[in-house]
Amino acid sequence: MRRLFAALSLIAGLTLAGNGASANPLFDPDGRYTGGAPSGRGFPGLFGSASPIPRTTVTYPSTLPAGSLVINTAERRLYYILGEGRAIRYGIGVGRIGFTWAGTTAVSEKREWPDWVPPPQMLKRRPDLPRYMPGGPQNPLGARAMYLGSSLYRIHGSNEPETIGQAVSSGCFRLTNEDVIDLYNRVRVGARVVVVR
């Protein structure tokens, strides 16, 4: 076992040295592995900064089928229903005062590194916003987005981990890039989404 560990360490060291990154094992100038999270914010994980509210598996009795989502705005938590009385709980950022909502919908679409087009309502409030942003590390939708029904709302990533657990959005639900990638890989198009206040 020691020999295997030593060999792997040597290979990793040579690989990093070959990339000019031996001084920094988290060297990632293009943001391909960190999700483009700004440096100095949170603890860098493989796909972005860690959430200040770590995801965890919890006891969660529910009559909803496995694969459903429950978003509790007051708690600022999202629950992915596993079934058999369990769920994965994620910390989320929610809509600020005046932008919260409740209801039942479904995941209508999923996109990796989605483009962003601010809706007319948002541009009316913020005319300084760009009219279009291509998907990528600087895009406010982050690494993944799950679209909710035919609404303007999404569950999406964020490069601002400090906003998780806060009421900051215009009605969308945000997770760290690390958490949204984990959720995206679990959720299917058509999954039921219940939003409660």
Protein backbone atom coordinates (compact mmCIF):
# COMPACT_ATOMS: atom_id res chain seq x y z
CA MET A 1 0.00 0.00 0.00
CA ARG A 2 2.85 2.39 0.84
CA ARG A 3 4.49 1.69 -2.52
CA LEU A 4 1.23 2.37 -4.36
CA PHE A 5 0.76 5.66 -2.49
CA ALA A 6 4.37 6.70 -3.18
CA ALA A 7 4.01 5.88 -6.89
CA LEU A 8 0.77 7.84 -7.17
CA SER A 9 2.32 10.80 -5.34
CA LEU A 10 5.30 10.76 -7.70
CA ILE A 11 3.04 10.67 -10.80
CA ALA A 12 0.90 13.50 -9.44
CA GLY A 13 3.99 15.56 -8.66
CA LEU A 14 5.45 15.05 -12.13
CA THR A 15 2.12 15.90 -13.76
CA LEU A 16 1.81 19.13 -11.79
CA ALA A 17 5.43 20.04 -12.43
CA GLY A 18 4.90 19.43 -16.15
CA ASN A 19 2.02 21.90 -16.09
CA GLY A 20 4.03 24.52 -14.25
CA ALA A 21 1.78 24.07 -11.23
CA SER A 22 4.05 22.38 -8.72
CA ALA A 23 3.84 25.32 -6.32
CA ASN A 24 0.05 25.24 -6.30
CA PRO A 25 -1.81 21.92 -6.50
CA LEU A 26 -5.07 23.84 -7.12
CA PHE A 27 -3.61 25.60 -10.18
CA ASP A 28 -6.62 26.12 -12.46
CA PRO A 29 -6.22 29.30 -14.54
CA ASP A 30 -9.22 28.57 -16.78
CA GLY A 31 -11.59 27.69 -13.92
CA ARG A 32 -12.31 24.29 -15.46
CA TYR A 33 -12.23 22.46 -12.15
CA THR A 34 -13.28 25.17 -9.72
CA GLY A 35 -16.28 26.40 -11.67
CA GLY A 36 -14.66 29.81 -11.97
CA ALA A 37 -15.28 30.62 -8.32
CA PRO A 38 -13.53 33.88 -7.40
CA SER A 39 -10.40 33.26 -5.36
CA GLY A 40 -10.60 33.95 -1.66
CA ARG A 41 -14.27 32.99 -1.37
CA GLY A 42 -14.92 29.85 0.62
CA PHE A 43 -12.86 26.69 0.44
CA PRO A 44 -12.09 25.62 -3.11
CA GLY A 45 -13.44 22.19 -3.95
CA LEU A 46 -12.99 20.29 -7.17
CA PHE A 47 -15.91 22.04 -8.90
CA GLY A 48 -16.24 25.26 -6.91
CA SER A 49 -16.20 26.71 -3.45
CA ALA A 50 -17.74 24.65 -0.69
CA SER A 51 -21.14 25.73 0.56
CA PRO A 52 -21.30 27.41 3.98
CA ILE A 53 -24.22 24.99 4.52
CA PRO A 54 -22.83 21.53 3.72
CA ARG A 55 -25.13 19.08 1.95
CA THR A 56 -26.06 16.10 4.05
CA THR A 57 -28.40 13.11 4.05
CA VAL A 58 -31.23 13.61 6.55
CA THR A 59 -34.38 11.93 7.80
CA TYR A 60 -37.24 13.40 5.77
CA PRO A 61 -40.62 11.63 5.81
CA SER A 62 -42.48 12.43 2.59
CA THR A 63 -45.23 11.01 0.42
CA LEU A 64 -43.51 12.39 -2.69
CA PRO A 65 -41.83 9.87 -4.98
CA ALA A 66 -38.06 9.46 -4.94
CA GLY A 67 -36.42 11.99 -7.25
CA SER A 68 -38.81 14.82 -6.28
CA LEU A 69 -37.58 18.15 -4.92
CA VAL A 70 -38.92 20.17 -2.01
CA ILE A 71 -37.69 23.75 -1.71
CA ASN A 72 -38.33 25.33 1.69
CA THR A 73 -37.84 29.07 1.26
CA ALA A 74 -38.10 29.87 4.99
CA GLU A 75 -35.45 27.27 5.86
CA ARG A 76 -33.37 28.19 2.79
CA ARG A 77 -32.94 24.49 2.08
CA LEU A 78 -33.63 22.22 -0.87
CA TYR A 79 -34.45 18.54 -0.29
CA TYR A 80 -33.86 15.87 -2.92
CA ILE A 81 -36.17 13.01 -1.95
CA LEU A 82 -34.38 9.65 -1.78
CA GLY A 83 -37.40 7.69 -0.53
CA GLU A 84 -37.76 5.49 2.54
CA GLY A 85 -37.92 8.60 4.75
CA ARG A 86 -34.60 10.10 3.64
CA ALA A 87 -33.49 13.09 1.58
CA ILE A 88 -30.34 14.96 0.64
CA ARG A 89 -30.47 18.48 2.07
CA TYR A 90 -28.73 21.36 0.29
CA GLY A 91 -28.22 24.94 1.44
CA ILE A 92 -29.64 27.44 -1.07
CA GLY A 93 -30.00 31.14 -1.73
CA VAL A 94 -33.62 32.22 -2.24
CA GLY A 95 -35.64 35.19 -3.49
CA ARG A 96 -35.36 38.41 -1.58
CA ILE A 97 -38.42 40.05 0.01
CA GLY A 98 -41.09 40.55 -2.64
CA PHE A 99 -39.63 37.87 -4.92
CA THR A 100 -40.52 34.66 -3.08
CA TRP A 101 -43.16 32.31 -4.40
CA ALA A 102 -44.75 28.96 -3.66
CA GLY A 103 -46.35 26.23 -5.74
CA THR A 104 -45.84 22.96 -7.53
CA THR A 105 -44.03 22.65 -10.84
CA ALA A 106 -41.61 20.31 -12.60
CA VAL A 107 -38.09 20.40 -14.00
CA SER A 108 -38.72 21.17 -17.67
CA GLU A 109 -35.13 21.39 -18.91
CA LYS A 110 -31.52 20.95 -17.77
CA ARG A 111 -28.46 22.77 -19.12
CA GLU A 112 -24.73 22.65 -18.44
CA TRP A 113 -22.97 26.04 -18.35
CA PRO A 114 -26.16 27.79 -19.54
CA ASP A 115 -26.28 31.11 -21.37
CA TRP A 116 -28.06 33.92 -19.53
CA VAL A 117 -30.56 36.35 -21.02
CA PRO A 118 -32.01 38.63 -18.31
CA PRO A 119 -35.81 38.74 -18.60
CA PRO A 120 -37.50 42.08 -19.45
CA GLN A 121 -38.75 42.45 -15.85
CA MET A 122 -35.18 42.29 -14.56
CA LEU A 123 -33.86 44.67 -17.24
CA LYS A 124 -36.53 47.17 -16.25
CA ARG A 125 -35.18 47.13 -12.68
CA ARG A 126 -31.55 46.89 -13.75
CA PRO A 127 -31.00 48.51 -17.17
CA ASP A 128 -27.23 48.27 -16.60
CA LEU A 129 -27.26 44.48 -17.01
CA PRO A 130 -25.92 42.91 -20.20
CA ARG A 131 -28.59 41.70 -22.64
CA TYR A 132 -26.82 38.36 -23.05
CA MET A 133 -24.01 36.42 -21.37
CA PRO A 134 -22.61 33.18 -22.78
CA GLY A 135 -22.29 30.25 -20.42
CA GLY A 136 -19.04 30.05 -18.51
CA PRO A 137 -17.31 30.81 -15.22
CA GLN A 138 -18.47 34.46 -15.09
CA ASN A 139 -22.10 33.69 -15.92
CA PRO A 140 -24.48 34.25 -12.95
CA LEU A 141 -26.27 30.94 -13.63
CA GLY A 142 -23.10 29.05 -12.75
CA ALA A 143 -22.17 25.54 -13.83
CA ARG A 144 -25.67 24.05 -14.18
CA ALA A 145 -29.31 25.13 -14.41
CA MET A 146 -32.59 23.27 -14.02
CA TYR A 147 -35.54 25.19 -15.47
CA LEU A 148 -38.84 25.16 -13.59
CA GLY A 149 -41.90 24.61 -15.79
CA SER A 150 -42.57 27.45 -18.23
CA SER A 151 -41.63 30.09 -15.65
CA LEU A 152 -38.60 32.36 -15.59
CA TYR A 153 -37.35 30.58 -12.47
CA ARG A 154 -34.47 28.15 -12.22
CA ILE A 155 -32.43 26.16 -9.78
CA HIS A 156 -28.90 27.14 -10.73
CA GLY A 157 -25.30 27.41 -9.66
CA SER A 158 -23.47 30.40 -8.26
CA ASN A 159 -19.87 31.57 -7.97
CA GLU A 160 -20.77 33.44 -4.78
CA PRO A 161 -20.87 30.88 -1.96
CA GLU A 162 -21.43 33.63 0.60
CA THR A 163 -24.97 34.09 -0.78
CA ILE A 164 -26.01 30.54 0.16
CA GLY A 165 -28.48 30.74 3.05
CA GLN A 166 -29.38 34.32 2.08
CA ALA A 167 -32.42 35.94 0.43
CA VAL A 168 -30.74 37.58 -2.56
CA SER A 169 -32.29 36.50 -5.87
CA SER A 170 -35.19 37.57 -8.06
CA GLY A 171 -37.01 34.31 -7.33
CA CYS A 172 -34.53 31.69 -8.53
CA PHE A 173 -32.83 29.21 -6.21
CA ARG A 174 -29.04 29.11 -6.16
CA LEU A 175 -26.54 26.57 -4.91
CA THR A 176 -22.76 26.53 -5.04
CA ASN A 177 -21.42 25.13 -8.30
CA GLU A 178 -20.23 22.05 -6.43
CA ASP A 179 -23.71 21.38 -5.03
CA VAL A 180 -25.61 22.22 -8.22
CA ILE A 181 -23.47 19.74 -10.18
CA ASP A 182 -24.24 17.07 -7.59
CA LEU A 183 -27.98 17.84 -7.75
CA TYR A 184 -28.01 18.13 -11.56
CA ASN A 185 -26.56 14.63 -11.86
CA ARG A 186 -29.42 13.24 -9.72
CA VAL A 187 -32.44 15.15 -11.04
CA ARG A 188 -34.37 14.01 -14.12
CA VAL A 189 -36.37 16.20 -16.48
CA GLY A 190 -39.99 15.92 -15.36
CA ALA A 191 -39.13 15.66 -11.66
CA ARG A 192 -41.77 17.19 -9.41
CA VAL A 193 -40.76 20.37 -7.56
CA VAL A 194 -42.70 21.63 -4.55
CA VAL A 195 -41.85 25.15 -3.35
CA VAL A 196 -43.09 26.13 0.11
CA ARG A 197 -42.66 29.35 2.02
